[in-house]
Amino acid sequence: MKKYAIIVAGGTGKRMGESLPKQFLKLGGTPILIHTLQAFNIADPEIELIITLPKEEIQFWDELNVWHQNYITHKVVAGGETRFHSVKNALEHVDEGLVAIHDGVRPFVSPDIIYESFKLASEKQAVITAVKMKDSVRQLTEDGKSKNIDRSTLRMVQTPQTFTVDLLKSAYNTEFKNHFTDDASVVEAYGKDVSLIEGDYRNIKITTPEDLVIAEALLANK
């Protein structure tokens, strides 16, 4: 079955305190986004890779690929106003099969997670990666107080989130809603249950300076 991976890279550098978009920041001397491409290419060179980027950043990305000698085959698609619109644009370039959606700034996704994500999606149609909560969790209430929540019932969602192409295209054939924070929320709104696979605490999303420090340590011990 044909496999695709849509790598969403529309972030800015605001939380990093940088003018350079976070996906282009260097990790071990190489842009984060190139590390993410490499992770999927190592897991399975047959996966067709599609990157979504803001239109105004595509030329810079092309230059980075030349400078860093990145020869991994991939397609670049102009993103949209939100993650939802970026994924929807990329889905126009996807045919039948399976498609994984992954954050461009999660460069440490393992081959095992990628493999298991596609494998289970072929059986269950909709699969997302998640890890157990480590910390205690409280929920704010309307009266300004808070209450404890049993953390054993909660999971922290990661990517990839993997689906059959037919299902994801059908789910995305709708109007954008503010609660569409990821692909699973779009698929659930369409009426399809989502299965979970065990993620990895090393599969971090690099969004803050602290994350970048952790990422450098992870890379050094890879």
N, C-alpha and C. Protein backbone atom coordinates (compact mmCIF):
# COMPACT_ATOMS: atom_id res chain seq x y z
N MET A 1 0.85 -1.19 0.00
CA MET A 1 0.00 0.00 0.00
C MET A 1 0.88 1.25 0.00
N LYS A 2 0.54 2.22 -0.81
CA LYS A 2 1.32 3.45 -0.92
C LYS A 2 1.30 4.20 0.40
N LYS A 3 2.48 4.75 0.77
CA LYS A 3 2.60 5.50 2.01
C LYS A 3 3.06 6.93 1.73
N TYR A 4 2.43 7.85 2.42
CA TYR A 4 2.80 9.27 2.32
C TYR A 4 3.07 9.80 3.73
N ALA A 5 3.87 10.83 3.80
CA ALA A 5 4.05 11.57 5.05
C ALA A 5 3.99 13.06 4.72
N ILE A 6 3.02 13.73 5.32
CA ILE A 6 2.91 15.18 5.19
C ILE A 6 3.58 15.79 6.42
N ILE A 7 4.65 16.52 6.19
CA ILE A 7 5.39 17.14 7.28
C ILE A 7 5.03 18.61 7.33
N VAL A 8 4.34 18.98 8.39
CA VAL A 8 3.79 20.34 8.51
C VAL A 8 4.84 21.24 9.16
N ALA A 9 5.26 22.27 8.44
CA ALA A 9 6.33 23.14 8.92
C ALA A 9 5.95 24.60 8.69
N GLY A 10 4.99 25.06 9.47
CA GLY A 10 4.52 26.43 9.30
C GLY A 10 4.79 27.30 10.50
N GLY A 11 5.66 26.83 11.40
CA GLY A 11 5.89 27.57 12.64
C GLY A 11 6.71 28.82 12.46
N THR A 12 6.66 29.68 13.47
CA THR A 12 7.47 30.89 13.49
C THR A 12 8.52 30.75 14.59
N GLY A 13 9.34 31.75 14.75
CA GLY A 13 10.36 31.71 15.78
C GLY A 13 10.01 32.51 17.01
N LYS A 14 8.74 32.89 17.18
CA LYS A 14 8.35 33.79 18.26
C LYS A 14 8.65 33.23 19.64
N ARG A 15 8.21 31.99 19.90
CA ARG A 15 8.45 31.40 21.23
C ARG A 15 9.92 31.07 21.44
N MET A 16 10.67 30.98 20.34
CA MET A 16 12.11 30.76 20.43
C MET A 16 12.85 32.07 20.68
N GLY A 17 12.15 33.18 20.47
CA GLY A 17 12.82 34.47 20.55
C GLY A 17 13.72 34.70 19.35
N GLU A 18 13.36 34.07 18.23
CA GLU A 18 14.17 34.15 17.02
C GLU A 18 13.34 34.72 15.88
N SER A 19 14.03 35.37 14.95
CA SER A 19 13.35 35.85 13.74
C SER A 19 13.25 34.74 12.71
N LEU A 20 14.15 33.77 12.80
CA LEU A 20 14.15 32.64 11.87
C LEU A 20 13.10 31.63 12.30
N PRO A 21 12.25 31.17 11.38
CA PRO A 21 11.26 30.14 11.73
C PRO A 21 11.92 28.92 12.36
N LYS A 22 11.26 28.35 13.37
CA LYS A 22 11.89 27.32 14.19
C LYS A 22 12.31 26.09 13.40
N GLN A 23 11.58 25.76 12.32
CA GLN A 23 11.93 24.57 11.54
C GLN A 23 13.28 24.71 10.83
N PHE A 24 13.75 25.96 10.70
CA PHE A 24 15.02 26.20 10.04
C PHE A 24 16.18 26.39 11.01
N LEU A 25 15.90 26.45 12.30
CA LEU A 25 16.97 26.58 13.28
C LEU A 25 17.86 25.35 13.23
N LYS A 26 19.13 25.55 13.54
CA LYS A 26 20.08 24.45 13.41
C LYS A 26 20.11 23.59 14.67
N LEU A 27 20.18 22.30 14.45
CA LEU A 27 20.33 21.30 15.49
C LEU A 27 21.54 20.46 15.11
N GLY A 28 22.63 20.59 15.88
CA GLY A 28 23.85 19.90 15.49
C GLY A 28 24.39 20.38 14.16
N GLY A 29 24.13 21.63 13.84
CA GLY A 29 24.64 22.21 12.60
C GLY A 29 23.75 22.03 11.39
N THR A 30 22.64 21.32 11.54
CA THR A 30 21.72 21.04 10.43
C THR A 30 20.32 21.51 10.78
N PRO A 31 19.60 22.15 9.85
CA PRO A 31 18.24 22.60 10.14
C PRO A 31 17.35 21.47 10.68
N ILE A 32 16.54 21.80 11.66
CA ILE A 32 15.65 20.81 12.29
C ILE A 32 14.82 20.08 11.25
N LEU A 33 14.30 20.79 10.27
CA LEU A 33 13.41 20.18 9.28
C LEU A 33 14.13 19.11 8.46
N ILE A 34 15.41 19.30 8.20
CA ILE A 34 16.17 18.27 7.47
C ILE A 34 16.31 17.02 8.33
N HIS A 35 16.53 17.20 9.63
CA HIS A 35 16.57 16.04 10.54
C HIS A 35 15.26 15.25 10.47
N THR A 36 14.15 15.97 10.43
CA THR A 36 12.83 15.30 10.39
C THR A 36 12.65 14.54 9.09
N LEU A 37 13.04 15.13 7.98
CA LEU A 37 12.99 14.42 6.70
C LEU A 37 13.83 13.14 6.76
N GLN A 38 15.01 13.27 7.33
CA GLN A 38 15.91 12.11 7.42
C GLN A 38 15.29 10.98 8.24
N ALA A 39 14.56 11.34 9.30
CA ALA A 39 13.95 10.32 10.15
C ALA A 39 12.98 9.45 9.36
N PHE A 40 12.17 10.07 8.52
CA PHE A 40 11.22 9.30 7.72
C PHE A 40 11.92 8.54 6.61
N ASN A 41 12.93 9.14 6.01
CA ASN A 41 13.66 8.48 4.94
C ASN A 41 14.40 7.25 5.45
N ILE A 42 14.94 7.35 6.66
CA ILE A 42 15.63 6.20 7.27
C ILE A 42 14.63 5.09 7.61
N ALA A 43 13.46 5.49 8.11
CA ALA A 43 12.44 4.50 8.49
C ALA A 43 11.96 3.70 7.29
N ASP A 44 11.74 4.40 6.17
CA ASP A 44 11.26 3.73 4.96
C ASP A 44 11.47 4.67 3.77
N PRO A 45 12.48 4.42 2.94
CA PRO A 45 12.78 5.28 1.79
C PRO A 45 11.65 5.34 0.76
N GLU A 46 10.70 4.41 0.87
CA GLU A 46 9.59 4.38 -0.08
C GLU A 46 8.46 5.34 0.29
N ILE A 47 8.49 5.89 1.50
CA ILE A 47 7.46 6.85 1.88
C ILE A 47 7.61 8.11 1.04
N GLU A 48 6.52 8.55 0.43
CA GLU A 48 6.54 9.78 -0.36
C GLU A 48 6.38 10.98 0.59
N LEU A 49 7.36 11.86 0.59
CA LEU A 49 7.42 12.95 1.56
C LEU A 49 6.89 14.26 0.96
N ILE A 50 6.03 14.92 1.71
CA ILE A 50 5.48 16.21 1.31
C ILE A 50 5.65 17.18 2.47
N ILE A 51 6.24 18.32 2.21
CA ILE A 51 6.43 19.34 3.23
C ILE A 51 5.51 20.52 2.93
N THR A 52 4.83 21.03 3.96
CA THR A 52 4.07 22.27 3.79
C THR A 52 4.84 23.40 4.45
N LEU A 53 5.01 24.48 3.71
CA LEU A 53 5.72 25.66 4.18
C LEU A 53 4.96 26.91 3.76
N PRO A 54 5.08 27.99 4.54
CA PRO A 54 4.54 29.27 4.07
C PRO A 54 5.16 29.61 2.71
N LYS A 55 4.36 30.12 1.82
CA LYS A 55 4.81 30.37 0.44
C LYS A 55 6.08 31.20 0.39
N GLU A 56 6.18 32.18 1.29
CA GLU A 56 7.33 33.09 1.25
C GLU A 56 8.62 32.44 1.76
N GLU A 57 8.54 31.22 2.31
CA GLU A 57 9.72 30.55 2.85
C GLU A 57 10.24 29.44 1.94
N ILE A 58 9.54 29.18 0.86
CA ILE A 58 9.91 28.04 0.02
C ILE A 58 11.26 28.25 -0.65
N GLN A 59 11.52 29.45 -1.14
CA GLN A 59 12.80 29.69 -1.80
C GLN A 59 13.96 29.54 -0.82
N PHE A 60 13.78 30.02 0.41
CA PHE A 60 14.82 29.88 1.43
C PHE A 60 15.07 28.41 1.74
N TRP A 61 14.00 27.62 1.81
CA TRP A 61 14.13 26.18 2.05
C TRP A 61 14.94 25.53 0.92
N ASP A 62 14.65 25.91 -0.31
CA ASP A 62 15.41 25.36 -1.44
C ASP A 62 16.90 25.68 -1.30
N GLU A 63 17.20 26.89 -0.86
CA GLU A 63 18.60 27.28 -0.68
C GLU A 63 19.26 26.48 0.45
N LEU A 64 18.50 26.24 1.52
CA LEU A 64 19.04 25.44 2.63
C LEU A 64 19.38 24.02 2.18
N ASN A 65 18.53 23.46 1.34
CA ASN A 65 18.77 22.10 0.85
C ASN A 65 20.07 22.02 0.06
N VAL A 66 20.32 23.05 -0.74
CA VAL A 66 21.57 23.08 -1.52
C VAL A 66 22.76 23.25 -0.59
N TRP A 67 22.64 24.18 0.35
CA TRP A 67 23.75 24.48 1.26
C TRP A 67 24.12 23.28 2.11
N HIS A 68 23.10 22.54 2.58
CA HIS A 68 23.34 21.39 3.46
C HIS A 68 23.37 20.06 2.70
N GLN A 69 23.34 20.14 1.38
CA GLN A 69 23.43 18.95 0.53
C GLN A 69 22.38 17.90 0.90
N ASN A 70 21.15 18.36 1.07
CA ASN A 70 20.05 17.45 1.37
C ASN A 70 19.45 16.95 0.06
N TYR A 71 19.65 15.68 -0.22
CA TYR A 71 19.20 15.11 -1.49
C TYR A 71 17.98 14.20 -1.32
N ILE A 72 17.34 14.24 -0.16
CA ILE A 72 16.15 13.41 0.05
C ILE A 72 15.02 13.94 -0.81
N THR A 73 14.45 13.08 -1.62
CA THR A 73 13.37 13.49 -2.53
C THR A 73 12.12 13.86 -1.73
N HIS A 74 11.56 15.02 -2.02
CA HIS A 74 10.33 15.46 -1.36
C HIS A 74 9.65 16.53 -2.21
N LYS A 75 8.39 16.71 -1.94
CA LYS A 75 7.60 17.75 -2.61
C LYS A 75 7.29 18.85 -1.61
N VAL A 76 7.29 20.08 -2.07
CA VAL A 76 6.96 21.21 -1.20
C VAL A 76 5.64 21.82 -1.65
N VAL A 77 4.74 22.01 -0.69
CA VAL A 77 3.42 22.57 -0.95
C VAL A 77 3.24 23.82 -0.09
N ALA A 78 2.70 24.86 -0.68
CA ALA A 78 2.44 26.09 0.08
C ALA A 78 1.38 25.83 1.14
N GLY A 79 1.66 26.21 2.36
CA GLY A 79 0.72 26.01 3.45
C GLY A 79 -0.41 27.03 3.41
N GLY A 80 -1.28 26.92 4.41
CA GLY A 80 -2.43 27.81 4.48
C GLY A 80 -2.43 28.64 5.75
N GLU A 81 -3.57 29.21 6.05
CA GLU A 81 -3.72 30.10 7.20
C GLU A 81 -3.48 29.39 8.52
N THR A 82 -3.89 28.12 8.61
CA THR A 82 -3.73 27.33 9.82
C THR A 82 -3.16 25.96 9.45
N ARG A 83 -2.85 25.16 10.47
CA ARG A 83 -2.41 23.78 10.23
C ARG A 83 -3.45 23.03 9.41
N PHE A 84 -4.72 23.21 9.76
CA PHE A 84 -5.81 22.56 9.04
C PHE A 84 -5.72 22.85 7.54
N HIS A 85 -5.56 24.12 7.19
CA HIS A 85 -5.52 24.50 5.78
C HIS A 85 -4.25 24.00 5.10
N SER A 86 -3.15 23.94 5.84
CA SER A 86 -1.91 23.42 5.26
C SER A 86 -2.04 21.94 4.91
N VAL A 87 -2.60 21.17 5.85
CA VAL A 87 -2.80 19.73 5.59
C VAL A 87 -3.77 19.54 4.43
N LYS A 88 -4.81 20.33 4.40
CA LYS A 88 -5.79 20.22 3.32
C LYS A 88 -5.15 20.49 1.97
N ASN A 89 -4.27 21.48 1.90
CA ASN A 89 -3.55 21.76 0.65
C ASN A 89 -2.69 20.58 0.24
N ALA A 90 -1.99 19.98 1.22
CA ALA A 90 -1.09 18.87 0.91
C ALA A 90 -1.86 17.63 0.46
N LEU A 91 -3.05 17.43 1.00
CA LEU A 91 -3.85 16.25 0.64
C LEU A 91 -4.24 16.24 -0.84
N GLU A 92 -4.19 17.39 -1.48
CA GLU A 92 -4.47 17.44 -2.92
C GLU A 92 -3.40 16.72 -3.73
N HIS A 93 -2.25 16.48 -3.11
CA HIS A 93 -1.14 15.83 -3.80
C HIS A 93 -0.97 14.37 -3.36
N VAL A 94 -2.00 13.83 -2.71
CA VAL A 94 -1.95 12.47 -2.17
C VAL A 94 -3.02 11.62 -2.84
N ASP A 95 -2.64 10.41 -3.26
CA ASP A 95 -3.59 9.48 -3.86
C ASP A 95 -3.98 8.43 -2.83
N GLU A 96 -4.43 7.28 -3.26
CA GLU A 96 -4.89 6.23 -2.35
C GLU A 96 -3.73 5.64 -1.56
N GLY A 97 -4.04 5.17 -0.36
CA GLY A 97 -3.03 4.54 0.47
C GLY A 97 -3.14 5.01 1.90
N LEU A 98 -1.99 5.20 2.53
CA LEU A 98 -1.92 5.65 3.92
C LEU A 98 -1.14 6.96 3.98
N VAL A 99 -1.54 7.83 4.90
CA VAL A 99 -0.84 9.11 5.02
C VAL A 99 -0.61 9.44 6.49
N ALA A 100 0.64 9.75 6.82
CA ALA A 100 1.01 10.18 8.16
C ALA A 100 1.18 11.69 8.15
N ILE A 101 0.67 12.35 9.18
CA ILE A 101 0.87 13.79 9.34
C ILE A 101 1.84 13.96 10.50
N HIS A 102 2.89 14.74 10.29
CA HIS A 102 3.93 14.86 11.31
C HIS A 102 4.40 16.30 11.43
N ASP A 103 4.71 16.70 12.66
CA ASP A 103 5.24 18.04 12.91
C ASP A 103 6.66 18.15 12.39
N GLY A 104 6.94 19.22 11.67
CA GLY A 104 8.28 19.42 11.12
C GLY A 104 9.34 19.59 12.18
N VAL A 105 8.93 19.98 13.39
CA VAL A 105 9.91 20.20 14.47
C VAL A 105 9.88 19.05 15.50
N ARG A 106 9.55 17.85 15.03
CA ARG A 106 9.72 16.63 15.84
C ARG A 106 10.73 15.73 15.11
N PRO A 107 12.02 16.05 15.24
CA PRO A 107 13.03 15.33 14.46
C PRO A 107 13.46 13.98 15.03
N PHE A 108 13.00 13.64 16.26
CA PHE A 108 13.48 12.42 16.90
C PHE A 108 12.48 11.27 16.84
N VAL A 109 11.51 11.35 15.95
CA VAL A 109 10.57 10.24 15.81
C VAL A 109 11.34 9.01 15.36
N SER A 110 11.05 7.87 15.99
CA SER A 110 11.83 6.66 15.72
C SER A 110 11.26 5.87 14.55
N PRO A 111 12.10 5.07 13.89
CA PRO A 111 11.61 4.18 12.83
C PRO A 111 10.51 3.24 13.33
N ASP A 112 10.64 2.76 14.57
CA ASP A 112 9.64 1.84 15.12
C ASP A 112 8.27 2.49 15.21
N ILE A 113 8.23 3.75 15.66
CA ILE A 113 6.95 4.45 15.76
C ILE A 113 6.35 4.68 14.38
N ILE A 114 7.18 5.08 13.44
CA ILE A 114 6.70 5.30 12.07
C ILE A 114 6.14 4.00 11.50
N TYR A 115 6.88 2.91 11.66
CA TYR A 115 6.44 1.60 11.16
C TYR A 115 5.12 1.19 11.80
N GLU A 116 5.05 1.27 13.13
CA GLU A 116 3.85 0.83 13.85
C GLU A 116 2.65 1.70 13.50
N SER A 117 2.89 2.99 13.29
CA SER A 117 1.81 3.92 12.94
C SER A 117 1.16 3.53 11.62
N PHE A 118 1.97 3.25 10.62
CA PHE A 118 1.43 2.84 9.32
C PHE A 118 0.77 1.46 9.41
N LYS A 119 1.40 0.55 10.15
CA LYS A 119 0.87 -0.80 10.26
C LYS A 119 -0.53 -0.80 10.87
N LEU A 120 -0.70 -0.10 11.99
CA LEU A 120 -2.00 -0.09 12.65
C LEU A 120 -3.03 0.71 11.86
N ALA A 121 -2.58 1.76 11.18
CA ALA A 121 -3.52 2.55 10.37
C ALA A 121 -4.11 1.72 9.23
N SER A 122 -3.34 0.77 8.73
CA SER A 122 -3.86 -0.10 7.67
C SER A 122 -4.98 -1.00 8.19
N GLU A 123 -5.01 -1.20 9.53
CA GLU A 123 -6.04 -2.04 10.13
C GLU A 123 -7.18 -1.22 10.73
N LYS A 124 -6.84 -0.10 11.39
CA LYS A 124 -7.81 0.67 12.15
C LYS A 124 -8.28 1.95 11.46
N GLN A 125 -7.58 2.37 10.41
CA GLN A 125 -7.89 3.57 9.61
C GLN A 125 -7.42 4.89 10.24
N ALA A 126 -7.42 4.99 11.55
CA ALA A 126 -7.05 6.25 12.20
C ALA A 126 -6.24 5.95 13.46
N VAL A 127 -4.98 6.40 13.47
CA VAL A 127 -4.07 6.07 14.56
C VAL A 127 -3.25 7.32 14.92
N ILE A 128 -3.13 7.59 16.23
CA ILE A 128 -2.28 8.70 16.66
C ILE A 128 -1.29 8.21 17.72
N THR A 129 -0.17 8.90 17.80
CA THR A 129 0.88 8.58 18.75
C THR A 129 0.66 9.39 20.03
N ALA A 130 0.82 8.74 21.19
CA ALA A 130 0.60 9.45 22.46
C ALA A 130 1.41 8.79 23.56
N VAL A 131 1.71 9.58 24.59
CA VAL A 131 2.45 9.07 25.75
C VAL A 131 1.68 9.36 27.03
N LYS A 132 1.98 8.59 28.07
CA LYS A 132 1.33 8.78 29.36
C LYS A 132 1.79 10.08 30.02
N MET A 133 0.91 10.66 30.82
CA MET A 133 1.26 11.85 31.57
C MET A 133 2.24 11.49 32.69
N LYS A 134 3.24 12.32 32.89
CA LYS A 134 4.18 12.13 33.99
C LYS A 134 3.77 12.93 35.23
N ASP A 135 3.24 14.12 35.00
CA ASP A 135 2.93 15.03 36.10
C ASP A 135 1.47 14.91 36.52
N SER A 136 1.20 15.37 37.72
CA SER A 136 -0.19 15.51 38.15
C SER A 136 -0.85 16.61 37.32
N VAL A 137 -2.16 16.49 37.14
CA VAL A 137 -2.89 17.42 36.28
C VAL A 137 -4.10 17.97 37.02
N ARG A 138 -4.35 19.25 36.83
CA ARG A 138 -5.54 19.88 37.41
C ARG A 138 -6.31 20.59 36.31
N GLN A 139 -7.64 20.63 36.48
CA GLN A 139 -8.51 21.30 35.52
C GLN A 139 -9.11 22.55 36.17
N LEU A 140 -9.04 23.67 35.45
CA LEU A 140 -9.64 24.90 35.95
C LEU A 140 -11.16 24.80 35.82
N THR A 141 -11.86 25.29 36.84
CA THR A 141 -13.32 25.27 36.83
C THR A 141 -13.87 26.67 36.60
N GLU A 142 -15.16 26.76 36.30
CA GLU A 142 -15.76 28.04 35.98
C GLU A 142 -15.78 29.01 37.16
N ASP A 143 -15.73 28.49 38.37
CA ASP A 143 -15.75 29.35 39.55
C ASP A 143 -14.35 29.83 39.95
N GLY A 144 -13.38 29.61 39.08
CA GLY A 144 -12.03 30.09 39.34
C GLY A 144 -11.19 29.15 40.17
N LYS A 145 -11.72 28.01 40.52
CA LYS A 145 -10.97 27.03 41.30
C LYS A 145 -10.36 25.99 40.36
N SER A 146 -9.85 24.93 40.92
CA SER A 146 -9.31 23.85 40.10
C SER A 146 -9.58 22.52 40.77
N LYS A 147 -9.55 21.46 39.97
CA LYS A 147 -9.79 20.13 40.53
C LYS A 147 -8.80 19.14 39.93
N ASN A 148 -8.48 18.14 40.72
CA ASN A 148 -7.54 17.12 40.28
C ASN A 148 -8.19 16.20 39.25
N ILE A 149 -7.38 15.76 38.29
CA ILE A 149 -7.84 14.79 37.29
C ILE A 149 -6.93 13.58 37.35
N ASP A 150 -7.51 12.41 37.27
CA ASP A 150 -6.73 11.17 37.29
C ASP A 150 -5.86 11.11 36.03
N ARG A 151 -4.57 11.27 36.23
CA ARG A 151 -3.68 11.34 35.07
C ARG A 151 -3.59 10.02 34.31
N SER A 152 -3.99 8.92 34.93
CA SER A 152 -3.93 7.63 34.23
C SER A 152 -4.94 7.56 33.08
N THR A 153 -5.91 8.47 33.09
CA THR A 153 -6.91 8.50 32.01
C THR A 153 -6.52 9.47 30.89
N LEU A 154 -5.38 10.14 31.04
CA LEU A 154 -4.97 11.16 30.07
C LEU A 154 -3.73 10.73 29.29
N ARG A 155 -3.61 11.27 28.08
CA ARG A 155 -2.44 11.03 27.25
C ARG A 155 -2.01 12.35 26.60
N MET A 156 -0.71 12.51 26.43
CA MET A 156 -0.17 13.65 25.68
C MET A 156 0.01 13.22 24.23
N VAL A 157 -0.60 13.97 23.35
CA VAL A 157 -0.62 13.60 21.94
C VAL A 157 0.66 14.06 21.23
N GLN A 158 1.20 13.17 20.41
CA GLN A 158 2.35 13.48 19.58
C GLN A 158 1.97 13.27 18.11
N THR A 159 2.95 13.32 17.27
CA THR A 159 2.80 12.89 15.88
C THR A 159 3.92 11.89 15.62
N PRO A 160 3.75 11.01 14.62
CA PRO A 160 2.78 11.08 13.53
C PRO A 160 1.36 10.67 13.94
N GLN A 161 0.41 11.22 13.17
CA GLN A 161 -0.98 10.79 13.22
C GLN A 161 -1.27 10.25 11.82
N THR A 162 -1.66 8.99 11.76
CA THR A 162 -1.68 8.28 10.48
C THR A 162 -3.07 7.74 10.17
N PHE A 163 -3.47 7.85 8.89
CA PHE A 163 -4.83 7.53 8.48
C PHE A 163 -4.83 6.92 7.08
N THR A 164 -5.93 6.26 6.76
CA THR A 164 -6.13 5.92 5.36
C THR A 164 -6.42 7.23 4.62
N VAL A 165 -5.94 7.32 3.41
CA VAL A 165 -6.10 8.56 2.64
C VAL A 165 -7.57 8.89 2.43
N ASP A 166 -8.37 7.89 2.09
CA ASP A 166 -9.80 8.13 1.85
C ASP A 166 -10.47 8.75 3.06
N LEU A 167 -10.17 8.20 4.24
CA LEU A 167 -10.79 8.73 5.46
C LEU A 167 -10.36 10.16 5.72
N LEU A 168 -9.05 10.44 5.63
CA LEU A 168 -8.59 11.78 5.96
C LEU A 168 -9.10 12.81 4.97
N LYS A 169 -9.14 12.46 3.70
CA LYS A 169 -9.67 13.40 2.71
C LYS A 169 -11.15 13.68 2.96
N SER A 170 -11.89 12.65 3.30
CA SER A 170 -13.32 12.84 3.59
C SER A 170 -13.51 13.72 4.82
N ALA A 171 -12.69 13.48 5.86
CA ALA A 171 -12.80 14.27 7.08
C ALA A 171 -12.45 15.73 6.84
N TYR A 172 -11.48 15.97 5.99
CA TYR A 172 -11.05 17.34 5.71
C TYR A 172 -11.96 18.06 4.71
N ASN A 173 -12.95 17.37 4.22
CA ASN A 173 -13.92 18.00 3.32
C ASN A 173 -15.00 18.70 4.16
N THR A 174 -14.56 19.61 4.98
CA THR A 174 -15.45 20.32 5.90
C THR A 174 -14.90 21.71 6.13
N GLU A 175 -15.66 22.54 6.80
CA GLU A 175 -15.20 23.88 7.14
C GLU A 175 -14.33 23.84 8.39
N PHE A 176 -13.37 24.74 8.47
CA PHE A 176 -12.48 24.80 9.61
C PHE A 176 -13.23 25.21 10.88
N LYS A 177 -12.88 24.55 11.98
CA LYS A 177 -13.43 24.90 13.30
C LYS A 177 -12.25 25.18 14.24
N ASN A 178 -12.44 26.08 15.19
CA ASN A 178 -11.36 26.47 16.09
C ASN A 178 -10.84 25.32 16.94
N HIS A 179 -11.68 24.31 17.19
CA HIS A 179 -11.23 23.19 18.02
C HIS A 179 -10.46 22.14 17.22
N PHE A 180 -10.23 22.39 15.93
CA PHE A 180 -9.41 21.48 15.13
C PHE A 180 -7.93 21.78 15.41
N THR A 181 -7.41 21.23 16.50
CA THR A 181 -6.03 21.50 16.87
C THR A 181 -5.05 20.51 16.26
N ASP A 182 -5.56 19.38 15.80
CA ASP A 182 -4.72 18.40 15.12
C ASP A 182 -5.61 17.59 14.19
N ASP A 183 -5.01 16.60 13.53
CA ASP A 183 -5.76 15.81 12.55
C ASP A 183 -6.76 14.88 13.21
N ALA A 184 -6.42 14.38 14.40
CA ALA A 184 -7.34 13.51 15.12
C ALA A 184 -8.65 14.22 15.43
N SER A 185 -8.57 15.50 15.79
CA SER A 185 -9.79 16.24 16.11
C SER A 185 -10.68 16.41 14.88
N VAL A 186 -10.06 16.53 13.72
CA VAL A 186 -10.84 16.63 12.47
C VAL A 186 -11.52 15.31 12.17
N VAL A 187 -10.78 14.22 12.34
CA VAL A 187 -11.33 12.88 12.05
C VAL A 187 -12.43 12.53 13.04
N GLU A 188 -12.26 12.87 14.32
CA GLU A 188 -13.29 12.60 15.31
C GLU A 188 -14.56 13.39 15.02
N ALA A 189 -14.41 14.63 14.57
CA ALA A 189 -15.58 15.44 14.22
C ALA A 189 -16.34 14.83 13.04
N TYR A 190 -15.61 14.10 12.21
CA TYR A 190 -16.22 13.40 11.08
C TYR A 190 -16.97 12.16 11.54
N GLY A 191 -16.70 11.70 12.78
CA GLY A 191 -17.43 10.56 13.33
C GLY A 191 -16.65 9.27 13.42
N LYS A 192 -15.33 9.35 13.23
CA LYS A 192 -14.50 8.14 13.26
C LYS A 192 -13.69 8.08 14.54
N ASP A 193 -13.68 6.92 15.20
CA ASP A 193 -12.86 6.73 16.40
C ASP A 193 -11.38 6.69 16.03
N VAL A 194 -10.55 7.10 16.97
CA VAL A 194 -9.10 7.15 16.75
C VAL A 194 -8.41 6.20 17.72
N SER A 195 -7.53 5.36 17.19
CA SER A 195 -6.76 4.43 18.02
C SER A 195 -5.43 5.07 18.42
N LEU A 196 -4.86 4.57 19.53
CA LEU A 196 -3.59 5.09 20.03
C LEU A 196 -2.49 4.06 19.91
N ILE A 197 -1.27 4.55 19.62
CA ILE A 197 -0.08 3.72 19.77
C ILE A 197 0.85 4.43 20.75
N GLU A 198 1.69 3.66 21.42
CA GLU A 198 2.59 4.22 22.41
C GLU A 198 3.66 5.07 21.74
N GLY A 199 3.79 6.31 22.22
CA GLY A 199 4.80 7.21 21.68
C GLY A 199 6.13 7.07 22.40
N ASP A 200 6.89 8.15 22.38
CA ASP A 200 8.24 8.14 22.94
C ASP A 200 8.49 9.53 23.53
N TYR A 201 8.94 9.60 24.77
CA TYR A 201 9.21 10.90 25.40
C TYR A 201 10.34 11.66 24.69
N ARG A 202 11.15 10.95 23.92
CA ARG A 202 12.21 11.62 23.16
C ARG A 202 11.66 12.27 21.89
N ASN A 203 10.46 11.94 21.52
CA ASN A 203 9.83 12.49 20.31
C ASN A 203 9.27 13.88 20.62
N ILE A 204 10.16 14.78 21.01
CA ILE A 204 9.74 16.10 21.47
C ILE A 204 9.44 17.04 20.30
N LYS A 205 8.60 18.02 20.59
CA LYS A 205 8.31 19.08 19.64
C LYS A 205 9.12 20.30 20.06
N ILE A 206 10.01 20.75 19.19
CA ILE A 206 10.93 21.82 19.53
C ILE A 206 10.27 23.18 19.28
N THR A 207 9.85 23.84 20.34
CA THR A 207 9.14 25.11 20.19
C THR A 207 9.72 26.23 21.05
N THR A 208 10.54 25.90 22.05
CA THR A 208 11.08 26.91 22.96
C THR A 208 12.60 26.74 23.07
N PRO A 209 13.30 27.75 23.58
CA PRO A 209 14.75 27.60 23.76
C PRO A 209 15.12 26.40 24.61
N GLU A 210 14.31 26.11 25.62
CA GLU A 210 14.58 24.95 26.47
C GLU A 210 14.50 23.66 25.67
N ASP A 211 13.54 23.58 24.77
CA ASP A 211 13.41 22.39 23.92
C ASP A 211 14.66 22.18 23.07
N LEU A 212 15.22 23.28 22.59
CA LEU A 212 16.39 23.17 21.73
C LEU A 212 17.60 22.65 22.52
N VAL A 213 17.72 23.05 23.78
CA VAL A 213 18.79 22.53 24.64
C VAL A 213 18.63 21.02 24.82
N ILE A 214 17.40 20.60 25.09
CA ILE A 214 17.12 19.17 25.26
C ILE A 214 17.40 18.41 23.96
N ALA A 215 17.02 19.02 22.83
CA ALA A 215 17.24 18.38 21.54
C ALA A 215 18.72 18.18 21.25
N GLU A 216 19.55 19.16 21.60
CA GLU A 216 20.98 19.01 21.38
C GLU A 216 21.52 17.84 22.22
N ALA A 217 21.00 17.69 23.45
CA ALA A 217 21.44 16.58 24.29
C ALA A 217 20.99 15.24 23.72
N LEU A 218 19.77 15.19 23.21
CA LEU A 218 19.25 13.96 22.61
C LEU A 218 20.08 13.58 21.38
N LEU A 219 20.42 14.59 20.58
CA LEU A 219 21.19 14.33 19.38
C LEU A 219 22.59 13.81 19.72
N ALA A 220 23.17 14.36 20.79
CA ALA A 220 24.51 13.94 21.20
C ALA A 220 24.52 12.49 21.68
N ASN A 221 23.37 12.02 22.17
CA ASN A 221 23.29 10.64 22.69
C ASN A 221 22.55 9.71 21.75
N LYS A 222 22.34 10.14 20.55
CA LYS A 222 21.58 9.34 19.58
C LYS A 222 22.40 8.15 19.11
